[in-house]
């Protein structure tokens, strides 16, 4: 299974998508609370823009971005 990077905003859970301006204004503490992977609770290193979003992003950890955690994605 590969990760679908063409998600739409309506497919994302509440609170997992953040605007660019909000992200840029986060303090370090807010980053630690909000910049989490869409699929797990790891640090979201990669910001991905949904297909129908303008300057809004969700985050993926390195393992989900590279596809190493395929088993975890299948469970969700």
PDB file of N, CA and C in Angstrom:
ATOM      1  N   UNK A   1       0.833  -1.184   0.000  1.00  0.00           N
ATOM      2  CA  UNK A   1       0.000   0.000   0.000  1.00  0.00           C
ATOM      3  C   UNK A   1       0.879   1.249   0.000  1.00  0.00           C
ATOM      4  N   UNK A   2       0.545   2.208  -0.818  1.00  0.00           N
ATOM      5  CA  UNK A   2       1.279   3.460  -0.842  1.00  0.00           C
ATOM      6  C   UNK A   2       0.432   4.559  -0.204  1.00  0.00           C
ATOM      7  N   UNK A   3       1.092   5.581   0.278  1.00  0.00           N
ATOM      8  CA  UNK A   3       0.385   6.694   0.900  1.00  0.00           C
ATOM      9  C   UNK A   3      -0.161   7.601  -0.187  1.00  0.00           C
ATOM     10  N   UNK A   4      -1.415   7.985  -0.027  1.00  0.00           N
ATOM     11  CA  UNK A   4      -2.068   8.859  -0.988  1.00  0.00           C
ATOM     12  C   UNK A   4      -1.818  10.308  -0.597  1.00  0.00           C
ATOM     13  N   UNK A   5      -1.029  11.026  -1.389  1.00  0.00           N
ATOM     14  CA  UNK A   5      -0.727  12.420  -1.110  1.00  0.00           C
ATOM     15  C   UNK A   5      -1.738  13.360  -1.765  1.00  0.00           C
ATOM     16  N   UNK A   6      -2.827  12.818  -2.289  1.00  0.00           N
ATOM     17  CA  UNK A   6      -3.828  13.654  -2.940  1.00  0.00           C
ATOM     18  C   UNK A   6      -5.105  13.711  -2.104  1.00  0.00           C
ATOM     19  N   UNK A   7      -4.971  13.775  -0.810  1.00  0.00           N
ATOM     20  CA  UNK A   7      -6.133  13.863   0.066  1.00  0.00           C
ATOM     21  C   UNK A   7      -6.824  15.212  -0.108  1.00  0.00           C
ATOM     22  N   UNK A   8      -8.113  15.214   0.195  1.00  0.00           N
ATOM     23  CA  UNK A   8      -8.890  16.438   0.197  1.00  0.00           C
ATOM     24  C   UNK A   8      -9.113  16.896   1.637  1.00  0.00           C
ATOM     25  N   UNK A   9      -9.381  18.194   1.818  1.00  0.00           N
ATOM     26  CA  UNK A   9      -9.592  18.735   3.156  1.00  0.00           C
ATOM     27  C   UNK A   9     -10.714  18.010   3.891  1.00  0.00           C
ATOM     28  N   UNK A  10     -11.773  17.646   3.181  1.00  0.00           N
ATOM     29  CA  UNK A  10     -12.917  16.994   3.816  1.00  0.00           C
ATOM     30  C   UNK A  10     -12.566  15.600   4.342  1.00  0.00           C
ATOM     31  N   UNK A  11     -11.495  14.999   3.836  1.00  0.00           N
ATOM     32  CA  UNK A  11     -11.081  13.659   4.257  1.00  0.00           C
ATOM     33  C   UNK A  11     -10.224  13.671   5.519  1.00  0.00           C
ATOM     34  N   UNK A  12      -9.797  14.851   5.958  1.00  0.00           N
ATOM     35  CA  UNK A  12      -8.902  14.953   7.112  1.00  0.00           C
ATOM     36  C   UNK A  12      -9.695  15.175   8.390  1.00  0.00           C
ATOM     37  N   UNK A  13      -9.246  14.563   9.486  1.00  0.00           N
ATOM     38  CA  UNK A  13      -9.939  14.762  10.760  1.00  0.00           C
ATOM     39  C   UNK A  13      -9.822  16.201  11.263  1.00  0.00           C
ATOM     40  N   UNK A  14     -10.774  16.598  12.068  1.00  0.00           N
ATOM     41  CA  UNK A  14     -10.789  17.939  12.662  1.00  0.00           C
ATOM     42  C   UNK A  14      -9.503  18.192  13.441  1.00  0.00           C
ATOM     43  N   UNK A  15      -8.902  19.332  13.242  1.00  0.00           N
ATOM     44  CA  UNK A  15      -7.700  19.707  13.977  1.00  0.00           C
ATOM     45  C   UNK A  15      -6.395  19.198  13.394  1.00  0.00           C
ATOM     46  N   UNK A  16      -6.428  18.506  12.270  1.00  0.00           N
ATOM     47  CA  UNK A  16      -5.203  17.979  11.658  1.00  0.00           C
ATOM     48  C   UNK A  16      -4.697  18.832  10.506  1.00  0.00           C
ATOM     49  N   UNK A  17      -5.476  19.842  10.097  1.00  0.00           N
ATOM     50  CA  UNK A  17      -5.053  20.724   9.016  1.00  0.00           C
ATOM     51  C   UNK A  17      -4.875  22.127   9.594  1.00  0.00           C
ATOM     52  N   UNK A  18      -3.776  22.767   9.194  1.00  0.00           N
ATOM     53  CA  UNK A  18      -3.423  24.062   9.759  1.00  0.00           C
ATOM     54  C   UNK A  18      -3.032  25.015   8.635  1.00  0.00           C
ATOM     55  N   UNK A  19      -3.400  26.281   8.793  1.00  0.00           N
ATOM     56  CA  UNK A  19      -3.053  27.279   7.784  1.00  0.00           C
ATOM     57  C   UNK A  19      -1.572  27.651   7.898  1.00  0.00           C
ATOM     58  N   UNK A  20      -1.035  28.130   6.805  1.00  0.00           N
ATOM     59  CA  UNK A  20       0.375  28.499   6.753  1.00  0.00           C
ATOM     60  C   UNK A  20       0.698  29.607   7.766  1.00  0.00           C
ATOM     61  N   UNK A  21      -0.156  30.610   7.862  1.00  0.00           N
ATOM     62  CA  UNK A  21       0.095  31.707   8.799  1.00  0.00           C
ATOM     63  C   UNK A  21       0.054  31.233  10.251  1.00  0.00           C
ATOM     64  N   UNK A  22      -0.843  30.325  10.554  1.00  0.00           N
ATOM     65  CA  UNK A  22      -0.909  29.773  11.900  1.00  0.00           C
ATOM     66  C   UNK A  22       0.370  29.019  12.231  1.00  0.00           C
ATOM     67  N   UNK A  23       0.835  28.210  11.302  1.00  0.00           N
ATOM     68  CA  UNK A  23       2.056  27.426  11.511  1.00  0.00           C
ATOM     69  C   UNK A  23       3.254  28.342  11.735  1.00  0.00           C
ATOM     70  N   UNK A  24       3.361  29.396  10.951  1.00  0.00           N
ATOM     71  CA  UNK A  24       4.498  30.312  11.081  1.00  0.00           C
ATOM     72  C   UNK A  24       4.489  31.076  12.397  1.00  0.00           C
ATOM     73  N   UNK A  25       3.335  31.230  13.011  1.00  0.00           N
ATOM     74  CA  UNK A  25       3.237  31.964  14.270  1.00  0.00           C
ATOM     75  C   UNK A  25       3.287  31.073  15.511  1.00  0.00           C
ATOM     76  N   UNK A  26       3.431  29.767  15.322  1.00  0.00           N
ATOM     77  CA  UNK A  26       3.505  28.863  16.466  1.00  0.00           C
ATOM     78  C   UNK A  26       4.776  29.085  17.270  1.00  0.00           C
ATOM     79  N   UNK A  27       4.650  28.989  18.588  1.00  0.00           N
ATOM     80  CA  UNK A  27       5.823  28.941  19.461  1.00  0.00           C
ATOM     81  C   UNK A  27       6.337  27.508  19.432  1.00  0.00           C
ATOM     82  N   UNK A  28       7.470  27.283  20.045  1.00  0.00           N
ATOM     83  CA  UNK A  28       8.025  25.913  20.090  1.00  0.00           C
ATOM     84  C   UNK A  28       7.060  24.964  20.796  1.00  0.00           C
ATOM     85  N   UNK A  29       6.435  25.430  21.863  1.00  0.00           N
ATOM     86  CA  UNK A  29       5.483  24.611  22.609  1.00  0.00           C
ATOM     87  C   UNK A  29       4.265  24.262  21.747  1.00  0.00           C
ATOM     88  N   UNK A  30       3.764  25.221  20.990  1.00  0.00           N
ATOM     89  CA  UNK A  30       2.621  24.966  20.109  1.00  0.00           C
ATOM     90  C   UNK A  30       2.991  23.998  18.988  1.00  0.00           C
ATOM     91  N   UNK A  31       4.220  24.079  18.495  1.00  0.00           N
ATOM     92  CA  UNK A  31       4.669  23.128  17.472  1.00  0.00           C
ATOM     93  C   UNK A  31       4.651  21.710  18.014  1.00  0.00           C
ATOM     94  N   UNK A  32       5.136  21.540  19.233  1.00  0.00           N
ATOM     95  CA  UNK A  32       5.167  20.212  19.843  1.00  0.00           C
ATOM     96  C   UNK A  32       3.759  19.644  20.029  1.00  0.00           C
ATOM     97  N   UNK A  33       2.786  20.499  20.273  1.00  0.00           N
ATOM     98  CA  UNK A  33       1.413  20.044  20.458  1.00  0.00           C
ATOM     99  C   UNK A  33       0.686  19.792  19.149  1.00  0.00           C
ATOM    100  N   UNK A  34       0.948  20.588  18.127  1.00  0.00           N
ATOM    101  CA  UNK A  34       0.138  20.551  16.906  1.00  0.00           C
ATOM    102  C   UNK A  34       0.793  19.901  15.701  1.00  0.00           C
ATOM    103  N   UNK A  35       2.090  19.833  15.672  1.00  0.00           N
ATOM    104  CA  UNK A  35       2.784  19.305  14.495  1.00  0.00           C
ATOM    105  C   UNK A  35       3.007  17.805  14.665  1.00  0.00           C
ATOM    106  N   UNK A  36       1.911  17.061  14.607  1.00  0.00           N
ATOM    107  CA  UNK A  36       1.974  15.611  14.783  1.00  0.00           C
ATOM    108  C   UNK A  36       1.504  14.925  13.504  1.00  0.00           C
ATOM    109  N   UNK A  37       1.976  13.733  13.317  1.00  0.00           N
ATOM    110  CA  UNK A  37       1.668  12.944  12.119  1.00  0.00           C
ATOM    111  C   UNK A  37       0.160  12.663  12.029  1.00  0.00           C
ATOM    112  N   UNK A  38      -0.353  12.645  10.823  1.00  0.00           N
ATOM    113  CA  UNK A  38      -1.759  12.346  10.583  1.00  0.00           C
ATOM    114  C   UNK A  38      -2.120  10.932  11.028  1.00  0.00           C
ATOM    115  N   UNK A  39      -1.173   9.991  10.934  1.00  0.00           N
ATOM    116  CA  UNK A  39      -1.464   8.594  11.194  1.00  0.00           C
ATOM    117  C   UNK A  39      -1.009   8.097  12.568  1.00  0.00           C
ATOM    118  N   UNK A  40      -0.090   8.793  13.198  1.00  0.00           N
ATOM    119  CA  UNK A  40       0.397   8.366  14.514  1.00  0.00           C
ATOM    120  C   UNK A  40       0.704   9.613  15.348  1.00  0.00           C
ATOM    121  N   UNK A  41       1.228   9.435  16.531  1.00  0.00           N
ATOM    122  CA  UNK A  41       1.511  10.575  17.403  1.00  0.00           C
ATOM    123  C   UNK A  41       2.967  11.018  17.345  1.00  0.00           C
ATOM    124  N   UNK A  42       3.664  10.677  16.292  1.00  0.00           N
ATOM    125  CA  UNK A  42       5.064  11.074  16.138  1.00  0.00           C
ATOM    126  C   UNK A  42       5.159  12.508  15.627  1.00  0.00           C
ATOM    127  N   UNK A  43       6.357  13.057  15.692  1.00  0.00           N
ATOM    128  CA  UNK A  43       6.634  14.409  15.203  1.00  0.00           C
ATOM    129  C   UNK A  43       6.406  14.452  13.699  1.00  0.00           C
ATOM    130  N   UNK A  44       5.636  15.420  13.227  1.00  0.00           N
ATOM    131  CA  UNK A  44       5.347  15.562  11.801  1.00  0.00           C
ATOM    132  C   UNK A  44       6.393  16.415  11.102  1.00  0.00           C
ATOM    133  N   UNK A  45       7.382  15.791  10.534  1.00  0.00           N
ATOM    134  CA  UNK A  45       8.481  16.501   9.885  1.00  0.00           C
ATOM    135  C   UNK A  45       8.101  17.074   8.528  1.00  0.00           C
ATOM    136  N   UNK A  46       7.127  16.467   7.883  1.00  0.00           N
ATOM    137  CA  UNK A  46       6.792  16.849   6.509  1.00  0.00           C
ATOM    138  C   UNK A  46       5.400  17.459   6.445  1.00  0.00           C
ATOM    139  N   UNK A  47       5.310  18.661   5.906  1.00  0.00           N
ATOM    140  CA  UNK A  47       4.029  19.340   5.722  1.00  0.00           C
ATOM    141  C   UNK A  47       3.509  19.019   4.317  1.00  0.00           C
ATOM    142  N   UNK A  48       2.292  18.494   4.252  1.00  0.00           N
ATOM    143  CA  UNK A  48       1.689  18.097   2.992  1.00  0.00           C
ATOM    144  C   UNK A  48       0.446  18.953   2.765  1.00  0.00           C
ATOM    145  N   UNK A  49       0.318  19.492   1.571  1.00  0.00           N
ATOM    146  CA  UNK A  49      -0.834  20.327   1.250  1.00  0.00           C
ATOM    147  C   UNK A  49      -1.920  19.471   0.608  1.00  0.00           C
ATOM    148  N   UNK A  50      -3.134  19.445   1.174  1.00  0.00           N
ATOM    149  CA  UNK A  50      -4.227  18.703   0.536  1.00  0.00           C
ATOM    150  C   UNK A  50      -4.521  19.256  -0.853  1.00  0.00           C
ATOM    151  N   UNK A  51      -5.114  18.425  -1.669  1.00  0.00           N
ATOM    152  CA  UNK A  51      -5.335  18.776  -3.075  1.00  0.00           C
ATOM    153  C   UNK A  51      -6.189  20.031  -3.248  1.00  0.00           C
ATOM    154  N   UNK A  52      -7.208  20.220  -2.427  1.00  0.00           N
ATOM    155  CA  UNK A  52      -8.114  21.356  -2.590  1.00  0.00           C
ATOM    156  C   UNK A  52      -7.887  22.463  -1.564  1.00  0.00           C
ATOM    157  N   UNK A  53      -6.718  22.478  -0.936  1.00  0.00           N
ATOM    158  CA  UNK A  53      -6.419  23.490   0.084  1.00  0.00           C
ATOM    159  C   UNK A  53      -5.398  24.486  -0.451  1.00  0.00           C
ATOM    160  N   UNK A  54      -5.577  25.721  -0.069  1.00  0.00           N
ATOM    161  CA  UNK A  54      -4.626  26.760  -0.446  1.00  0.00           C
ATOM    162  C   UNK A  54      -3.910  27.224   0.813  1.00  0.00           C
ATOM    163  N   UNK A  55      -2.616  26.973   0.876  1.00  0.00           N
ATOM    164  CA  UNK A  55      -1.771  27.354   2.007  1.00  0.00           C
ATOM    165  C   UNK A  55      -2.254  26.750   3.320  1.00  0.00           C
ATOM    166  N   UNK A  56      -2.731  25.519   3.258  1.00  0.00           N
ATOM    167  CA  UNK A  56      -3.108  24.761   4.440  1.00  0.00           C
ATOM    168  C   UNK A  56      -2.410  23.411   4.354  1.00  0.00           C
ATOM    169  N   UNK A  57      -2.004  22.892   5.514  1.00  0.00           N
ATOM    170  CA  UNK A  57      -1.160  21.698   5.520  1.00  0.00           C
ATOM    171  C   UNK A  57      -1.536  20.746   6.637  1.00  0.00           C
ATOM    172  N   UNK A  58      -1.245  19.455   6.398  1.00  0.00           N
ATOM    173  CA  UNK A  58      -1.243  18.454   7.456  1.00  0.00           C
ATOM    174  C   UNK A  58       0.165  17.889   7.503  1.00  0.00           C
ATOM    175  N   UNK A  59       0.484  17.139   8.531  1.00  0.00           N
ATOM    176  CA  UNK A  59       1.854  16.680   8.725  1.00  0.00           C
ATOM    177  C   UNK A  59       1.963  15.159   8.709  1.00  0.00           C
ATOM    178  N   UNK A  60       3.118  14.691   8.256  1.00  0.00           N
ATOM    179  CA  UNK A  60       3.458  13.266   8.296  1.00  0.00           C
ATOM    180  C   UNK A  60       4.829  13.107   8.921  1.00  0.00           C
ATOM    181  N   UNK A  61       5.002  12.021   9.683  1.00  0.00           N
ATOM    182  CA  UNK A  61       6.323  11.716  10.226  1.00  0.00           C
ATOM    183  C   UNK A  61       7.185  11.134   9.098  1.00  0.00           C
ATOM    184  N   UNK A  62       8.454  11.001   9.343  1.00  0.00           N
ATOM    185  CA  UNK A  62       9.364  10.490   8.327  1.00  0.00           C
ATOM    186  C   UNK A  62       9.037   9.083   7.865  1.00  0.00           C
ATOM    187  N   UNK A  63       8.621   8.234   8.803  1.00  0.00           N
ATOM    188  CA  UNK A  63       8.296   6.853   8.432  1.00  0.00           C
ATOM    189  C   UNK A  63       7.061   6.773   7.548  1.00  0.00           C
ATOM    190  N   UNK A  64       6.030   7.537   7.862  1.00  0.00           N
ATOM    191  CA  UNK A  64       4.829   7.511   7.020  1.00  0.00           C
ATOM    192  C   UNK A  64       5.075   8.204   5.687  1.00  0.00           C
ATOM    193  N   UNK A  65       5.872   9.245   5.691  1.00  0.00           N
ATOM    194  CA  UNK A  65       6.193   9.931   4.445  1.00  0.00           C
ATOM    195  C   UNK A  65       6.952   9.007   3.498  1.00  0.00           C
ATOM    196  N   UNK A  66       7.858   8.215   4.041  1.00  0.00           N
ATOM    197  CA  UNK A  66       8.647   7.307   3.207  1.00  0.00           C
ATOM    198  C   UNK A  66       7.942   5.978   2.968  1.00  0.00           C
ATOM    199  N   UNK A  67       6.848   5.724   3.679  1.00  0.00           N
ATOM    200  CA  UNK A  67       6.089   4.490   3.473  1.00  0.00           C
ATOM    201  C   UNK A  67       6.571   3.318   4.288  1.00  0.00           C
ATOM    202  N   UNK A  68       7.397   3.529   5.306  1.00  0.00           N
ATOM    203  CA  UNK A  68       7.922   2.417   6.102  1.00  0.00           C
ATOM    204  C   UNK A  68       6.899   1.835   7.072  1.00  0.00           C
ATOM    205  N   UNK A  69       5.866   2.607   7.424  1.00  0.00           N
ATOM    206  CA  UNK A  69       4.878   2.126   8.381  1.00  0.00           C
ATOM    207  C   UNK A  69       3.596   1.714   7.674  1.00  0.00           C
ATOM    208  N   UNK A  70       3.690   0.886   6.683  1.00  0.00           N
ATOM    209  CA  UNK A  70       2.531   0.487   5.896  1.00  0.00           C
ATOM    210  C   UNK A  70       1.515  -0.305   6.719  1.00  0.00           C
ATOM    211  N   UNK A  71       1.985  -1.126   7.651  1.00  0.00           N
ATOM    212  CA  UNK A  71       1.094  -1.937   8.457  1.00  0.00           C
ATOM    213  C   UNK A  71       0.201  -1.063   9.331  1.00  0.00           C
ATOM    214  N   UNK A  72       0.763  -0.012   9.894  1.00  0.00           N
ATOM    215  CA  UNK A  72       0.013   0.903  10.745  1.00  0.00           C
ATOM    216  C   UNK A  72      -1.062   1.620   9.949  1.00  0.00           C
ATOM    217  N   UNK A  73      -0.783   2.000   8.724  1.00  0.00           N
ATOM    218  CA  UNK A  73      -1.747   2.698   7.881  1.00  0.00           C
ATOM    219  C   UNK A  73      -2.908   1.777   7.528  1.00  0.00           C
ATOM    220  N   UNK A  74      -2.627   0.510   7.274  1.00  0.00           N
ATOM    221  CA  UNK A  74      -3.677  -0.434   6.928  1.00  0.00           C
ATOM    222  C   UNK A  74      -4.677  -0.604   8.054  1.00  0.00           C
ATOM    223  N   UNK A  75      -4.207  -0.517   9.299  1.00  0.00           N
ATOM    224  CA  UNK A  75      -5.093  -0.677  10.452  1.00  0.00           C
ATOM    225  C   UNK A  75      -6.042   0.490  10.572  1.00  0.00           C
ATOM    226  N   UNK A  76      -5.613   1.696  10.195  1.00  0.00           N
ATOM    227  CA  UNK A  76      -6.457   2.891  10.307  1.00  0.00           C
ATOM    228  C   UNK A  76      -7.355   2.928   9.131  1.00  0.00           C
TER     229      UNK A  76
END
